[in-house]
C-alpha atoms as a PDB file:
ATOM      1  CA  MET A   1      -0.111   0.172  -0.024  1.00  0.00           C
ATOM      2  CA  VAL A   2       2.569   2.585  -1.193  1.00  0.00           C
ATOM      3  CA  GLU A   3       1.774   5.756  -2.998  1.00  0.00           C
ATOM      4  CA  SER A   4       4.265   8.002  -4.265  1.00  0.00           C
ATOM      5  CA  ILE A   5       4.164  11.468  -6.052  1.00  0.00           C
ATOM      6  CA  ALA A   6       6.809  13.026  -8.403  1.00  0.00           C
ATOM      7  CA  ARG A   7       6.652  16.501  -9.972  1.00  0.00           C
ATOM      8  CA  VAL A   8       8.812  18.454 -12.493  1.00  0.00           C
ATOM      9  CA  ARG A   9       8.033  22.386 -12.566  1.00  0.00           C
ATOM     10  CA  HIS A  10       8.698  24.961 -15.217  1.00  0.00           C
ATOM     11  CA  ILE A  11       9.909  22.334 -17.999  1.00  0.00           C
ATOM     12  CA  ARG A  12      10.104  23.748 -21.281  1.00  0.00           C
ATOM     13  CA  VAL A  13       7.688  21.577 -22.977  1.00  0.00           C
ATOM     14  CA  THR A  14       4.154  23.004 -24.327  1.00  0.00           C
ATOM     15  CA  PRO A  15       1.342  21.501 -22.114  1.00  0.00           C
ATOM     16  CA  GLN A  16      -0.548  20.543 -25.111  1.00  0.00           C
ATOM     17  CA  LYS A  17       2.472  18.370 -26.231  1.00  0.00           C
ATOM     18  CA  ALA A  18       3.203  16.781 -23.080  1.00  0.00           C
ATOM     19  CA  ARG A  19      -0.536  15.954 -22.501  1.00  0.00           C
ATOM     20  CA  ARG A  20      -0.071  13.484 -25.549  1.00  0.00           C
ATOM     21  CA  VAL A  21       2.903  11.819 -24.040  1.00  0.00           C
ATOM     22  CA  VAL A  22       1.186  11.614 -20.599  1.00  0.00           C
ATOM     23  CA  ALA A  23      -1.894  10.114 -22.140  1.00  0.00           C
ATOM     24  CA  LEU A  24       0.358   7.061 -23.539  1.00  0.00           C
ATOM     25  CA  ILE A  25       1.219   6.110 -20.137  1.00  0.00           C
ATOM     26  CA  LYS A  26      -1.900   6.873 -17.809  1.00  0.00           C
ATOM     27  CA  GLY A  27      -2.893   3.629 -16.336  1.00  0.00           C
ATOM     28  CA  LYS A  28      -0.448   1.625 -17.286  1.00  0.00           C
ATOM     29  CA  GLN A  29       2.500  -0.307 -15.058  1.00  0.00           C
ATOM     30  CA  ALA A  30       5.452   1.637 -14.203  1.00  0.00           C
ATOM     31  CA  GLN A  31       7.812  -0.727 -16.011  1.00  0.00           C
ATOM     32  CA  GLU A  32       5.629  -0.742 -18.981  1.00  0.00           C
ATOM     33  CA  ALA A  33       5.412   3.034 -19.060  1.00  0.00           C
ATOM     34  CA  LEU A  34       9.243   3.446 -19.034  1.00  0.00           C
ATOM     35  CA  ALA A  35       9.499   1.064 -22.031  1.00  0.00           C
ATOM     36  CA  ILE A  36       6.999   3.024 -23.853  1.00  0.00           C
ATOM     37  CA  LEU A  37       8.560   6.466 -22.887  1.00  0.00           C
ATOM     38  CA  LYS A  38      12.016   5.096 -23.986  1.00  0.00           C
ATOM     39  CA  PHE A  39      11.105   4.467 -27.414  1.00  0.00           C
ATOM     40  CA  ALA A  40       8.511   7.342 -28.094  1.00  0.00           C
ATOM     41  CA  PRO A  41       9.643   9.709 -30.664  1.00  0.00           C
ATOM     42  CA  GLN A  42       8.174  12.984 -28.803  1.00  0.00           C
ATOM     43  CA  SER A  43      10.800  15.226 -27.253  1.00  0.00           C
ATOM     44  CA  ALA A  44       8.637  15.311 -24.062  1.00  0.00           C
ATOM     45  CA  SER A  45       8.969  11.664 -23.469  1.00  0.00           C
ATOM     46  CA  GLU A  46      12.643  12.157 -22.134  1.00  0.00           C
ATOM     47  CA  PRO A  47      11.805  14.371 -19.059  1.00  0.00           C
ATOM     48  CA  ILE A  48       8.524  12.256 -18.564  1.00  0.00           C
ATOM     49  CA  TYR A  49      10.696   9.081 -18.400  1.00  0.00           C
ATOM     50  CA  LYS A  50      12.851  10.499 -15.865  1.00  0.00           C
ATOM     51  CA  LEU A  51       9.895  11.757 -13.812  1.00  0.00           C
ATOM     52  CA  VAL A  52       8.523   8.262 -13.812  1.00  0.00           C
ATOM     53  CA  ALA A  53      11.764   6.720 -12.742  1.00  0.00           C
ATOM     54  CA  SER A  54      11.918   9.607  -9.981  1.00  0.00           C
ATOM     55  CA  ALA A  55       8.319   8.417  -8.766  1.00  0.00           C
ATOM     56  CA  ILE A  56       9.623   4.762  -8.682  1.00  0.00           C
ATOM     57  CA  ALA A  57      12.666   5.506  -6.746  1.00  0.00           C
ATOM     58  CA  ASN A  58      10.655   7.644  -4.305  1.00  0.00           C
ATOM     59  CA  ALA A  59       8.266   4.609  -3.886  1.00  0.00           C
ATOM     60  CA  ARG A  60      11.103   2.722  -2.900  1.00  0.00           C
ATOM     61  CA  VAL A  61      12.433   5.025  -0.420  1.00  0.00           C
ATOM     62  CA  LYS A  62       9.044   5.625   1.186  1.00  0.00           C
ATOM     63  CA  ALA A  63       8.504   1.769   1.469  1.00  0.00           C
ATOM     64  CA  ASP A  64      11.918   1.567   3.158  1.00  0.00           C
ATOM     65  CA  LYS A  65      11.352   4.229   5.421  1.00  0.00           C
ATOM     66  CA  ASP A  66       7.885   2.707   6.580  1.00  0.00           C
ATOM     67  CA  SER A  67       9.490  -0.902   6.626  1.00  0.00           C
ATOM     68  CA  ALA A  68       6.956  -2.102   3.960  1.00  0.00           C
ATOM     69  CA  TYR A  69       7.422  -4.580   1.390  1.00  0.00           C
ATOM     70  CA  LEU A  70       7.355  -3.126  -2.284  1.00  0.00           C
ATOM     71  CA  ASP A  71       7.586  -4.991  -5.442  1.00  0.00           C
ATOM     72  CA  GLU A  72       8.370  -2.631  -8.297  1.00  0.00           C
ATOM     73  CA  ARG A  73       6.540  -4.402 -10.944  1.00  0.00           C
ATOM     74  CA  ASP A  74       3.267  -3.772  -9.006  1.00  0.00           C
ATOM     75  CA  LEU A  75       3.474  -0.152  -9.386  1.00  0.00           C
ATOM     76  CA  TYR A  76       1.192   1.436 -11.825  1.00  0.00           C
ATOM     77  CA  ILE A  77       0.375   5.059 -13.016  1.00  0.00           C
ATOM     78  CA  ALA A  78      -2.531   5.973 -10.721  1.00  0.00           C
ATOM     79  CA  ASN A  79      -2.766   9.510 -12.089  1.00  0.00           C
ATOM     80  CA  ALA A  80      -0.581  11.861 -14.376  1.00  0.00           C
ATOM     81  CA  TYR A  81      -1.525  15.239 -15.297  1.00  0.00           C
ATOM     82  CA  VAL A  82       0.154  18.132 -16.928  1.00  0.00           C
ATOM     83  CA  ASP A  83      -0.580  21.771 -15.888  1.00  0.00           C
ATOM     84  CA  GLU A  84       0.355  25.012 -17.497  1.00  0.00           C
ATOM     85  CA  GLY A  85       3.398  26.673 -16.229  1.00  0.00           C
ATOM     86  CA  THR A  86       4.259  30.298 -16.674  1.00  0.00           C
ATOM     87  CA  THR A  87       4.818  31.681 -20.110  1.00  0.00           C
ATOM     88  CA  LEU A  88       7.747  33.389 -21.269  1.00  0.00           C
ATOM     89  CA  LYS A  89       7.197  36.292 -23.733  1.00  0.00           C
ATOM     90  CA  ARG A  90       9.608  37.262 -26.371  1.00  0.00           C
ATOM     91  CA  PHE A  91       9.247  39.510 -29.405  1.00  0.00           C
ATOM     92  CA  ARG A  92      10.300  38.923 -33.139  1.00  0.00           C
ATOM     93  CA  PRO A  93      10.899  41.641 -35.506  1.00  0.00           C
ATOM     94  CA  ARG A  94       8.697  41.901 -38.472  1.00  0.00           C
ATOM     95  CA  ALA A  95       8.129  43.790 -41.516  1.00  0.00           C
ATOM     96  CA  GLN A  96       7.757  47.687 -41.358  1.00  0.00           C
ATOM     97  CA  GLY A  97       8.849  48.182 -37.828  1.00  0.00           C
ATOM     98  CA  ARG A  98       6.367  45.850 -36.159  1.00  0.00           C
ATOM     99  CA  ALA A  99       6.949  43.094 -33.348  1.00  0.00           C
ATOM    100  CA  PHE A 100       5.071  39.639 -33.027  1.00  0.00           C
ATOM    101  CA  GLN A 101       4.958  38.180 -29.770  1.00  0.00           C
ATOM    102  CA  ILE A 102       6.212  34.614 -29.232  1.00  0.00           C
ATOM    103  CA  LYS A 103       4.854  32.740 -26.167  1.00  0.00           C
ATOM    104  CA  LYS A 104       7.353  30.229 -24.875  1.00  0.00           C
ATOM    105  CA  ARG A 105       5.227  27.909 -22.857  1.00  0.00           C
ATOM    106  CA  THR A 106       6.000  25.713 -19.892  1.00  0.00           C
ATOM    107  CA  SER A 107       4.507  23.025 -17.985  1.00  0.00           C
ATOM    108  CA  HIS A 108       4.085  21.365 -14.696  1.00  0.00           C
ATOM    109  CA  ILE A 109       3.997  17.707 -14.816  1.00  0.00           C
ATOM    110  CA  THR A 110       2.907  15.549 -12.063  1.00  0.00           C
ATOM    111  CA  VAL A 111       3.005  11.608 -11.747  1.00  0.00           C
ATOM    112  CA  VAL A 112       1.468   9.537  -9.145  1.00  0.00           C
ATOM    113  CA  LEU A 113       2.118   5.979  -8.607  1.00  0.00           C
ATOM    114  CA  ALA A 114       0.489   3.286  -6.127  1.00  0.00           C
ATOM    115  CA  THR A 115       0.123  -0.167  -5.611  1.00  0.00           C
ATOM    116  CA  PRO A 116      -2.923  -1.920  -6.356  1.00  0.00           C
ATOM    117  CA  GLU A 117      -3.911  -2.153  -2.321  1.00  0.00           C
ATOM    118  CA  ALA A 118      -3.590   1.704  -2.332  1.00  0.00           C
ATOM    119  CA  ALA A 119      -5.924   2.101  -4.774  1.00  0.00           C
ATOM    120  CA  ASP A 120      -8.515  -0.203  -3.167  1.00  0.00           C
ATOM    121  CA  ALA A 121      -8.432   1.820   0.087  1.00  0.00           C
ATOM    122  CA  ALA A 122      -9.488   4.936  -1.562  1.00  0.00           C
ATOM    123  CA  PRO A 123     -12.774   6.360  -0.761  1.00  0.00           C
ATOM    124  CA  ALA A 124     -15.221   5.397  -2.996  1.00  0.00           C
ATOM    125  CA  ASP A 125     -18.000   8.132  -2.072  1.00  0.00           C
ATOM    126  CA  GLN A 126     -16.773  10.855  -4.328  1.00  0.00           C
ATOM    127  CA  THR A 127     -20.123  10.554  -6.488  1.00  0.00           C
ATOM    128  CA  SER A 128     -22.255  13.675  -6.455  1.00  0.00           C
ATOM    129  CA  SER A 129     -25.980  13.040  -5.729  1.00  0.00           C
ATOM    130  CA  THR A 130     -27.012  16.730  -6.046  1.00  0.00           C
ATOM    131  CA  PRO A 131     -29.300  17.108  -9.297  1.00  0.00           C
ATOM    132  CA  ARG A 132     -28.371  19.703 -11.686  1.00  0.00           C
ATOM    133  CA  LYS A 133     -30.887  22.178 -12.873  1.00  0.00           C
ATOM    134  CA  ALA A 134     -31.527  21.978 -16.638  1.00  0.00           C
ATOM    135  CA  SER A 135     -30.621  25.200 -18.515  1.00  0.00           C
ATOM    136  CA  LYS A 136     -32.858  26.979 -20.825  1.00  0.00           C
END
């Protein structure tokens, strides 16, 4: 019942491109996700590979600290998401003295690994029973 989190912030990859890579590995086993990321042609796959490897190491350290048994083959990616980071704004010269803005986007990527027991222990009462009004 181990859960570990790894985050990387302000990585110079656009969130849209990073989300494409994260979608490939969501819900997969950690070792399988590493294999997928190793051979994925996208440039965002390298930092996400390092992030998943870091999350595996975090799980190992957390299990050692709690004196719990951890088989790394049991770990799977419980959640992975990409948030938008700060945007660097630069300007390019254009014709007739104009300047166009270039936006260099950054991402915050988070990966959550868990063992199957940790997923079963999560609270199951997250469903909303309040009815919504129909809009006209």
